[in-house]
Amino acid sequence: MDRYLVGGALRDELLGLTVADRDWVVVGSTPEAMVEAGYLPVGRDFPVFLHPQTREEYALARTERKSGRGYHGFVFHTGEDVSLEDDLIRRDLTVNAIARAADGTIIDPYGGRADIDNRVLRHVSDAFVEDPVRLLRLARYYARFGPLGFRVADETMALLRSMVADGEVDHLVPERVWAETERALMHDEPQLFFYLLRECGALERLFPELDALFGVPQPIRHHPEIDSGVHTLLVLGQAAAADAPLAARYAALCHDYGKALTPADILPGHRGHEERGVEPADVCSQRLGVPRALRDAGRLTARWHTHIHRMKELRPATVLKLLEGIDAFRRPERLDTLLTVCEADVRGRLGFEQRAYAQPALARAAFDAANTVTAKPLAEAGLRGPEIGKALKRERVRAIAAALASADGRASQSRSY
């Protein structure tokens, strides 16, 4: 058998990037020969094996033929007659259709090295359109490699638009959409993923809640970028720049969904968009099968983010309502996520990128103070049943008021110097 290093490992190596996983193609072998050589079979749809020592994946060279809609509609053929070039031409992008033999020889029949040098993401063949997941994967590659200067070839962008127009994208199953989105969200510039989807028309099909924000105006005094969709992706970019975890990045995406539902007669203002944003955030999360913790982050951020922005104006009782609304006393990580998104929200506006923002410190001070008040001393003092709940709220409000007054006093003293 002949073995070749292929795909992302070779691409990243040629780009000078760290290589995490290595994939191999085997030419001139059979499943039986692989098992006899000690390789462990793991592929369900086609023969893939794990190396007995390295546990790296070795796939038999294969061809494929479209047999139906969606990414499941393929018939695969493997055999000793399948050449390396036959295998490479079925791949998605030219930069992924390069191989290296054991002696170091590079096999590049479709111009992948030139596209790496020229920073171009280009499909290998028209078979690209047969697998709708490739559209998502290309958008994710753009989010990863766009910051390195890569662009999508014009002919490939035309192909993406045809996939949307032909309805192939409509056959994507939610778990595959979310799997690619989750990976894209953790790139350095995840907003590029959504911009590419919008450019080819897929955003409306896959993320209608986000797509609906584009063209919705905001007050220019607070939002020099004006467009609500542009603002949302600026916020996502700020969350990524702050190295925010996945929950905060997803919540950044959801935080202003309600602005697409603002009555036309109050535009460009968006009074009430917080409550209106809860349902579309939930609908989006449920459609994609987003994990529960991320669903909660998206919904709660949509509902409560402007409360954090108004921390200096809120009454202590309203601050407690906020903390209880996100269940911060049992799930303090929810407050961390909310504050992270709110910082990104403030700075995700043209010209506001370095804006000072003291509200998270106030919110943390209020939470820390309220969190020190527990029910146990109240019960020990003889209170029972509903009386404990009422007293707990009362004492927490007092603690919040004192914390906010103290924080405001420190800020005033600092300004006096």
Protein backbone atom coordinates (compact mmCIF):
# COMPACT_ATOMS: atom_id res chain seq x y z
CA MET A 1 0.00 0.00 0.00
CA ASP A 2 1.06 3.62 -0.58
CA ARG A 3 0.32 6.16 2.14
CA TYR A 4 0.00 9.94 1.67
CA LEU A 5 -0.38 12.79 4.13
CA VAL A 6 -3.39 14.83 2.94
CA GLY A 7 -5.80 17.59 3.77
CA GLY A 8 -5.65 20.13 6.56
CA ALA A 9 -2.41 18.88 8.11
CA LEU A 10 -0.44 19.47 4.93
CA ARG A 11 -2.26 22.76 4.22
CA ASP A 12 -1.46 24.13 7.69
CA GLU A 13 2.12 22.94 7.48
CA LEU A 14 2.58 24.79 4.18
CA LEU A 15 1.09 27.90 5.84
CA GLY A 16 3.50 27.62 8.74
CA LEU A 17 0.69 26.91 11.23
CA THR A 18 0.64 24.42 14.07
CA VAL A 19 -0.59 21.02 12.93
CA ALA A 20 -2.94 19.32 15.36
CA ASP A 21 -4.23 16.22 13.57
CA ARG A 22 -2.83 14.30 10.63
CA ASP A 23 -4.97 12.44 8.13
CA TRP A 24 -3.71 9.91 5.61
CA VAL A 25 -4.97 8.36 2.39
CA VAL A 26 -4.05 4.81 1.47
CA VAL A 27 -3.87 3.83 -2.20
CA GLY A 28 -3.75 0.25 -3.49
CA SER A 29 -5.19 -1.52 -0.47
CA THR A 30 -8.40 -3.14 0.74
CA PRO A 31 -10.27 -3.19 4.07
CA GLU A 32 -9.15 -6.75 4.62
CA ALA A 33 -5.50 -5.89 4.05
CA MET A 34 -5.75 -2.94 6.45
CA VAL A 35 -7.19 -5.10 9.21
CA GLU A 36 -4.58 -7.77 8.56
CA ALA A 37 -1.87 -5.10 8.95
CA GLY A 38 -3.23 -4.22 12.39
CA TYR A 39 -5.28 -1.11 11.56
CA LEU A 40 -8.52 -0.65 13.52
CA PRO A 41 -11.69 -0.02 11.45
CA VAL A 42 -13.80 2.96 12.59
CA GLY A 43 -15.57 4.28 9.47
CA ARG A 44 -19.31 3.76 9.14
CA ASP A 45 -19.94 5.20 5.66
CA PHE A 46 -16.62 4.24 4.08
CA PRO A 47 -13.44 2.47 5.20
CA VAL A 48 -11.47 4.55 7.71
CA PHE A 49 -8.91 3.00 10.05
CA LEU A 50 -6.85 4.01 13.06
CA HIS A 51 -3.11 3.35 13.00
CA PRO A 52 -2.33 0.74 15.68
CA GLN A 53 0.34 2.95 17.30
CA THR A 54 -0.30 6.61 16.44
CA ARG A 55 -4.12 6.36 16.30
CA GLU A 56 -4.06 8.70 13.31
CA GLU A 57 -6.78 8.20 10.70
CA TYR A 58 -6.04 6.33 7.48
CA ALA A 59 -8.79 6.31 4.85
CA LEU A 60 -8.81 4.20 1.73
CA ALA A 61 -8.73 6.27 -1.44
CA ARG A 62 -12.30 6.57 -2.67
CA THR A 63 -14.59 8.04 -5.27
CA GLU A 64 -18.16 9.14 -4.63
CA ARG A 65 -21.34 9.52 -6.62
CA LYS A 66 -24.33 11.69 -5.70
CA SER A 67 -27.46 9.61 -5.10
CA GLY A 68 -29.85 12.00 -3.32
CA ARG A 69 -30.37 15.32 -1.55
CA GLY A 70 -28.28 16.47 1.39
CA TYR A 71 -24.93 15.31 2.64
CA HIS A 72 -26.08 11.70 3.17
CA GLY A 73 -26.96 11.21 -0.49
CA PHE A 74 -23.70 9.59 -1.68
CA VAL A 75 -22.49 6.22 -2.87
CA PHE A 76 -18.82 5.60 -2.16
CA HIS A 77 -16.42 3.30 -3.98
CA THR A 78 -13.08 2.12 -2.66
CA GLY A 79 -10.76 -0.33 -4.32
CA GLU A 80 -7.20 -0.97 -5.38
CA ASP A 81 -8.05 0.69 -8.71
CA VAL A 82 -8.81 4.11 -7.13
CA SER A 83 -5.90 6.48 -7.68
CA LEU A 84 -4.69 9.30 -5.46
CA GLU A 85 -5.86 11.85 -8.05
CA ASP A 86 -9.33 10.22 -8.04
CA ASP A 87 -9.46 10.72 -4.28
CA LEU A 88 -8.15 14.29 -4.29
CA ILE A 89 -10.61 15.55 -6.91
CA ARG A 90 -13.56 14.69 -4.67
CA ARG A 91 -12.27 17.05 -1.96
CA ASP A 92 -13.79 20.45 -1.25
CA LEU A 93 -11.04 23.05 -1.79
CA THR A 94 -7.82 23.05 -3.74
CA VAL A 95 -5.87 23.93 -0.58
CA ASN A 96 -7.14 20.66 0.90
CA ALA A 97 -6.46 18.60 -2.24
CA ILE A 98 -2.70 18.32 -1.82
CA ALA A 99 -0.83 15.17 -0.77
CA ARG A 100 2.70 14.28 0.27
CA ALA A 101 4.28 10.90 -0.32
CA ALA A 102 6.54 9.10 2.13
CA ASP A 103 9.64 10.33 0.28
CA GLY A 104 8.51 13.96 0.62
CA THR A 105 7.19 14.39 -2.91
CA ILE A 106 4.25 16.81 -3.11
CA ILE A 107 1.35 15.74 -5.31
CA ASP A 108 -0.73 18.78 -6.26
CA PRO A 109 -2.84 18.07 -9.35
CA TYR A 110 -5.38 20.88 -8.79
CA GLY A 111 -3.27 23.94 -7.97
CA GLY A 112 -3.60 23.96 -4.20
CA ARG A 113 -0.08 25.29 -3.52
CA ALA A 114 -0.60 28.24 -5.86
CA ASP A 115 -3.89 29.03 -4.12
CA ILE A 116 -2.14 28.90 -0.75
CA ASP A 117 0.50 31.32 -2.03
CA ASN A 118 -2.14 33.60 -3.52
CA ARG A 119 -4.45 33.27 -0.48
CA VAL A 120 -7.46 31.93 -2.42
CA LEU A 121 -10.16 29.53 -1.27
CA ARG A 122 -11.32 27.77 -4.45
CA HIS A 123 -13.43 24.65 -5.05
CA VAL A 124 -11.72 21.69 -6.70
CA SER A 125 -14.57 20.68 -9.01
CA ASP A 126 -18.27 21.21 -9.60
CA ALA A 127 -18.89 18.20 -7.35
CA PHE A 128 -18.57 20.74 -4.53
CA VAL A 129 -22.27 21.58 -4.92
CA GLU A 130 -23.33 18.02 -4.14
CA ASP A 131 -22.56 18.32 -0.41
CA PRO A 132 -24.23 21.31 1.30
CA VAL A 133 -22.02 20.93 4.36
CA ARG A 134 -19.16 22.16 2.19
CA LEU A 135 -20.78 25.59 2.04
CA LEU A 136 -20.72 25.81 5.83
CA ARG A 137 -17.21 24.43 5.97
CA LEU A 138 -16.00 27.01 3.47
CA ALA A 139 -17.57 29.78 5.56
CA ARG A 140 -15.72 28.40 8.57
CA TYR A 141 -12.46 28.27 6.63
CA TYR A 142 -13.03 31.89 5.69
CA ALA A 143 -13.45 32.79 9.37
CA ARG A 144 -10.20 31.00 10.13
CA PHE A 145 -8.10 32.04 7.15
CA GLY A 146 -9.65 35.39 6.22
CA PRO A 147 -7.45 37.14 8.83
CA LEU A 148 -4.44 35.68 6.97
CA GLY A 149 -5.52 37.42 3.77
CA PHE A 150 -7.52 34.62 2.16
CA ARG A 151 -10.49 35.44 -0.06
CA VAL A 152 -13.09 33.26 -1.76
CA ALA A 153 -12.61 32.86 -5.52
CA ASP A 154 -15.31 34.55 -7.59
CA GLU A 155 -16.29 31.32 -9.31
CA THR A 156 -16.59 29.59 -5.95
CA MET A 157 -18.83 32.36 -4.60
CA ALA A 158 -21.03 31.92 -7.67
CA LEU A 159 -21.20 28.22 -6.90
CA LEU A 160 -22.27 28.94 -3.30
CA ARG A 161 -25.09 31.17 -4.54
CA SER A 162 -26.27 28.43 -6.89
CA MET A 163 -26.38 25.97 -3.99
CA VAL A 164 -28.66 28.33 -2.11
CA ALA A 165 -30.84 29.04 -5.15
CA ASP A 166 -31.17 25.32 -5.94
CA GLY A 167 -32.34 24.54 -2.40
CA GLU A 168 -29.43 22.26 -1.56
CA VAL A 169 -28.75 24.26 1.62
CA ASP A 170 -32.30 23.62 2.81
CA HIS A 171 -31.40 19.94 3.26
CA LEU A 172 -28.75 20.63 5.90
CA VAL A 173 -29.64 18.95 9.17
CA PRO A 174 -29.49 21.14 12.30
CA GLU A 175 -26.72 19.21 14.02
CA ARG A 176 -24.36 19.76 11.10
CA VAL A 177 -25.21 23.47 10.96
CA TRP A 178 -24.53 23.81 14.67
CA ALA A 179 -21.34 21.72 14.54
CA GLU A 180 -19.78 24.02 11.94
CA THR A 181 -21.14 27.15 13.65
CA GLU A 182 -19.73 26.13 17.01
CA ARG A 183 -16.27 25.69 15.51
CA ALA A 184 -16.54 28.96 13.59
CA LEU A 185 -17.55 30.88 16.70
CA MET A 186 -14.27 29.97 18.37
CA HIS A 187 -12.09 31.40 15.59
CA ASP A 188 -10.39 34.77 16.05
CA GLU A 189 -12.81 36.54 13.69
CA PRO A 190 -16.02 34.49 13.79
CA GLN A 191 -18.05 37.32 12.27
CA LEU A 192 -16.51 36.44 8.89
CA PHE A 193 -18.42 33.13 8.96
CA PHE A 194 -21.74 34.96 9.04
CA TYR A 195 -20.71 37.64 6.56
CA LEU A 196 -19.88 34.96 4.00
CA LEU A 197 -23.16 33.16 4.62
CA ARG A 198 -24.97 36.44 4.05
CA GLU A 199 -23.03 37.21 0.87
CA CYS A 200 -24.04 33.93 -0.73
CA GLY A 201 -27.65 34.10 0.52
CA ALA A 202 -27.44 31.24 3.03
CA LEU A 203 -27.78 33.39 6.16
CA GLU A 204 -31.48 33.96 5.48
CA ARG A 205 -32.03 30.19 5.28
CA LEU A 206 -29.87 29.13 8.21
CA PHE A 207 -29.96 32.11 10.59
CA PRO A 208 -33.10 34.09 9.69
CA GLU A 209 -33.11 35.83 13.09
CA LEU A 210 -29.67 37.30 12.42
CA ASP A 211 -30.35 38.02 8.76
CA ALA A 212 -33.47 40.01 9.70
CA LEU A 213 -31.32 42.52 11.61
CA PHE A 214 -29.57 43.78 8.49
CA GLY A 215 -31.15 46.99 7.27
CA VAL A 216 -32.77 47.75 10.64
CA PRO A 217 -31.58 51.22 11.74
CA GLN A 218 -30.42 52.33 15.19
CA PRO A 219 -29.91 55.86 16.57
CA ILE A 220 -26.69 57.19 15.06
CA ARG A 221 -25.74 58.93 18.31
CA HIS A 222 -25.34 55.56 20.05
CA HIS A 223 -24.63 53.46 16.95
CA PRO A 224 -22.50 55.21 14.33
CA GLU A 225 -22.62 51.96 12.30
CA ILE A 226 -26.46 52.42 12.24
CA ASP A 227 -27.27 48.91 10.91
CA SER A 228 -28.37 46.41 13.58
CA GLY A 229 -26.88 43.45 11.73
CA VAL A 230 -23.51 45.15 11.37
CA HIS A 231 -23.61 46.04 15.07
CA THR A 232 -24.34 42.44 16.07
CA LEU A 233 -21.33 41.13 14.17
CA LEU A 234 -19.15 43.91 15.59
CA VAL A 235 -20.22 42.74 19.05
CA LEU A 236 -19.33 39.15 18.16
CA GLY A 237 -15.93 40.35 16.96
CA GLN A 238 -15.35 42.20 20.23
CA ALA A 239 -16.29 39.10 22.23
CA ALA A 240 -13.78 37.07 20.22
CA ALA A 241 -11.10 39.73 20.67
CA ALA A 242 -11.64 39.43 24.43
CA ASP A 243 -11.10 35.65 24.12
CA ALA A 244 -14.63 35.08 25.44
CA PRO A 245 -15.85 31.50 25.91
CA LEU A 246 -18.36 29.90 23.57
CA ALA A 247 -21.43 30.80 25.66
CA ALA A 248 -20.61 34.51 25.52
CA ARG A 249 -19.91 34.41 21.79
CA TYR A 250 -23.21 32.70 21.09
CA ALA A 251 -25.05 35.10 23.40
CA ALA A 252 -23.43 38.03 21.56
CA LEU A 253 -25.00 36.70 18.38
CA CYS A 254 -28.45 36.54 20.02
CA HIS A 255 -28.44 39.66 22.17
CA ASP A 256 -30.28 42.03 19.78
CA TYR A 257 -32.58 39.66 17.88
CA GLY A 258 -35.52 41.67 19.21
CA LYS A 259 -34.54 44.72 17.16
CA ALA A 260 -35.77 43.00 14.01
CA LEU A 261 -39.25 43.02 15.60
CA THR A 262 -39.31 46.69 16.60
CA PRO A 263 -42.51 48.44 15.41
CA ALA A 264 -41.72 50.69 12.46
CA ASP A 265 -43.29 53.73 14.10
CA ILE A 266 -40.68 53.88 16.88
CA LEU A 267 -37.58 53.34 14.72
CA PRO A 268 -34.69 54.04 14.94
CA GLY A 269 -35.33 53.58 18.67
CA HIS A 270 -35.81 50.05 20.01
CA ARG A 271 -37.76 50.39 23.23
CA GLY A 272 -38.81 46.92 24.40
CA HIS A 273 -36.44 44.97 22.15
CA GLU A 274 -35.15 43.06 25.18
CA GLU A 275 -38.43 41.26 25.85
CA ARG A 276 -39.10 40.85 22.13
CA GLY A 277 -35.68 39.23 21.69
CA VAL A 278 -36.33 36.30 24.01
CA GLU A 279 -38.56 34.33 21.64
CA PRO A 280 -36.37 34.56 18.50
CA ALA A 281 -33.32 33.65 20.59
CA ASP A 282 -35.14 30.55 21.83
CA VAL A 283 -36.46 29.68 18.37
CA CYS A 284 -32.98 29.89 16.86
CA SER A 285 -31.43 27.81 19.64
CA GLN A 286 -34.10 25.12 19.45
CA ARG A 287 -33.92 24.90 15.65
CA LEU A 288 -30.15 24.38 15.72
CA GLY A 289 -30.16 22.05 18.73
CA VAL A 290 -27.88 24.36 20.69
CA PRO A 291 -26.82 22.94 24.09
CA ARG A 292 -28.98 24.02 27.03
CA ALA A 293 -26.38 26.23 28.72
CA LEU A 294 -25.88 28.19 25.50
CA ARG A 295 -29.63 28.47 24.92
CA ASP A 296 -29.98 30.00 28.37
CA ALA A 297 -27.10 32.38 27.70
CA GLY A 298 -28.68 33.60 24.47
CA ARG A 299 -32.15 34.06 25.96
CA LEU A 300 -31.04 35.70 29.21
CA THR A 301 -28.61 38.05 27.49
CA ALA A 302 -31.33 39.20 25.10
CA ARG A 303 -33.64 39.86 28.05
CA TRP A 304 -31.29 41.54 30.55
CA HIS A 305 -28.35 43.17 28.75
CA THR A 306 -29.69 46.71 28.87
CA HIS A 307 -30.16 46.39 32.64
CA ILE A 308 -26.39 46.10 32.92
CA HIS A 309 -25.95 49.16 30.70
CA ARG A 310 -28.23 51.09 33.08
CA MET A 311 -26.61 49.88 36.30
CA LYS A 312 -25.91 53.45 37.45
CA GLU A 313 -29.60 54.30 37.16
CA LEU A 314 -31.21 51.17 38.60
CA ARG A 315 -32.74 50.99 42.05
CA PRO A 316 -31.23 48.32 44.31
CA ALA A 317 -34.48 46.35 44.16
CA THR A 318 -34.27 46.29 40.35
CA VAL A 319 -30.66 45.11 40.53
CA LEU A 320 -31.82 42.23 42.71
CA LYS A 321 -34.55 41.46 40.18
CA LEU A 322 -31.85 41.26 37.50
CA LEU A 323 -29.69 38.90 39.56
CA GLU A 324 -32.68 36.69 40.36
CA GLY A 325 -33.83 36.83 36.73
CA ILE A 326 -30.62 35.19 35.54
CA ASP A 327 -30.48 32.89 38.60
CA ALA A 328 -27.05 34.31 39.45
CA PHE A 329 -27.00 33.08 43.03
CA ARG A 330 -27.15 29.46 41.89
CA ARG A 331 -25.42 29.93 38.52
CA PRO A 332 -22.88 32.76 38.90
CA GLU A 333 -21.34 31.87 35.54
CA ARG A 334 -24.44 33.38 33.93
CA LEU A 335 -23.50 36.79 35.31
CA ASP A 336 -19.98 36.37 33.92
CA THR A 337 -21.40 35.63 30.47
CA LEU A 338 -23.84 38.54 30.60
CA LEU A 339 -21.15 41.02 31.64
CA THR A 340 -18.76 39.79 28.95
CA VAL A 341 -21.39 40.32 26.27
CA CYS A 342 -22.34 43.73 27.63
CA GLU A 343 -18.72 44.92 27.40
CA ALA A 344 -18.59 43.65 23.84
CA ASP A 345 -21.95 45.33 23.15
CA VAL A 346 -20.67 48.73 24.28
CA ARG A 347 -17.46 48.45 22.26
CA GLY A 348 -19.00 46.79 19.22
CA ARG A 349 -19.83 50.16 17.67
CA LEU A 350 -17.82 52.21 15.22
CA GLY A 351 -15.52 54.51 17.17
CA PHE A 352 -16.48 53.02 20.55
CA GLU A 353 -13.87 50.24 20.57
CA GLN A 354 -11.87 51.71 23.49
CA ARG A 355 -14.80 53.15 25.43
CA ALA A 356 -14.58 53.01 29.24
CA TYR A 357 -17.31 50.88 30.80
CA ALA A 358 -17.68 50.78 34.59
CA GLN A 359 -21.01 48.93 34.78
CA PRO A 360 -19.57 45.40 35.07
CA ALA A 361 -17.64 46.40 38.20
CA LEU A 362 -20.84 47.81 39.71
CA ALA A 363 -22.78 44.66 38.86
CA ARG A 364 -20.11 42.42 40.40
CA ALA A 365 -19.97 44.54 43.55
CA ALA A 366 -23.76 44.32 43.86
CA PHE A 367 -23.74 40.57 43.32
CA ASP A 368 -20.89 39.92 45.76
CA ALA A 369 -22.67 41.94 48.44
CA ALA A 370 -26.04 40.26 47.88
CA ASN A 371 -24.45 36.82 47.75
CA THR A 372 -23.14 37.20 51.30
CA VAL A 373 -26.74 37.37 52.55
CA THR A 374 -28.08 33.87 53.10
CA ALA A 375 -31.21 32.36 54.60
CA LYS A 376 -29.49 30.50 57.45
CA PRO A 377 -29.08 33.43 59.89
CA LEU A 378 -32.66 34.46 59.22
CA ALA A 379 -33.92 30.99 60.11
CA GLU A 380 -31.75 30.98 63.22
CA ALA A 381 -33.36 34.30 64.17
CA GLY A 382 -36.73 32.54 64.27
CA LEU A 383 -38.18 33.41 60.88
CA ARG A 384 -40.18 30.72 59.11
CA GLY A 385 -41.61 29.97 55.67
CA PRO A 386 -42.48 32.99 53.50
CA GLU A 387 -41.04 35.31 56.14
CA ILE A 388 -37.55 34.04 55.33
CA GLY A 389 -37.98 34.77 51.62
CA LYS A 390 -39.21 38.30 52.28
CA ALA A 391 -36.44 39.01 54.75
CA LEU A 392 -33.81 37.57 52.40
CA LYS A 393 -34.92 39.94 49.63
CA ARG A 394 -35.00 42.88 52.01
CA GLU A 395 -31.50 42.23 53.33
CA ARG A 396 -30.10 41.63 49.87
CA VAL A 397 -31.55 44.91 48.65
CA ARG A 398 -29.88 46.67 51.58
CA ALA A 399 -26.57 44.98 50.82
CA ILE A 400 -26.80 45.98 47.16
CA ALA A 401 -27.64 49.58 48.08
CA ALA A 402 -24.62 49.78 50.36
CA ALA A 403 -22.32 48.23 47.76
CA LEU A 404 -23.47 50.59 45.03
CA ALA A 405 -23.13 53.61 47.31
CA SER A 406 -19.64 52.54 48.26
CA ALA A 407 -18.63 52.00 44.65
CA ASP A 408 -20.08 55.37 43.66
CA GLY A 409 -18.21 57.02 46.52
CA ARG A 410 -14.93 55.51 45.42
CA ALA A 411 -15.56 56.66 41.85
CA SER A 412 -16.34 60.22 43.03
CA GLN A 413 -13.21 60.28 45.16
CA SER A 414 -11.15 59.10 42.20
CA ARG A 415 -12.60 61.85 40.00
CA SER A 416 -11.76 64.48 42.63
CA TYR A 417 -8.09 63.76 42.18
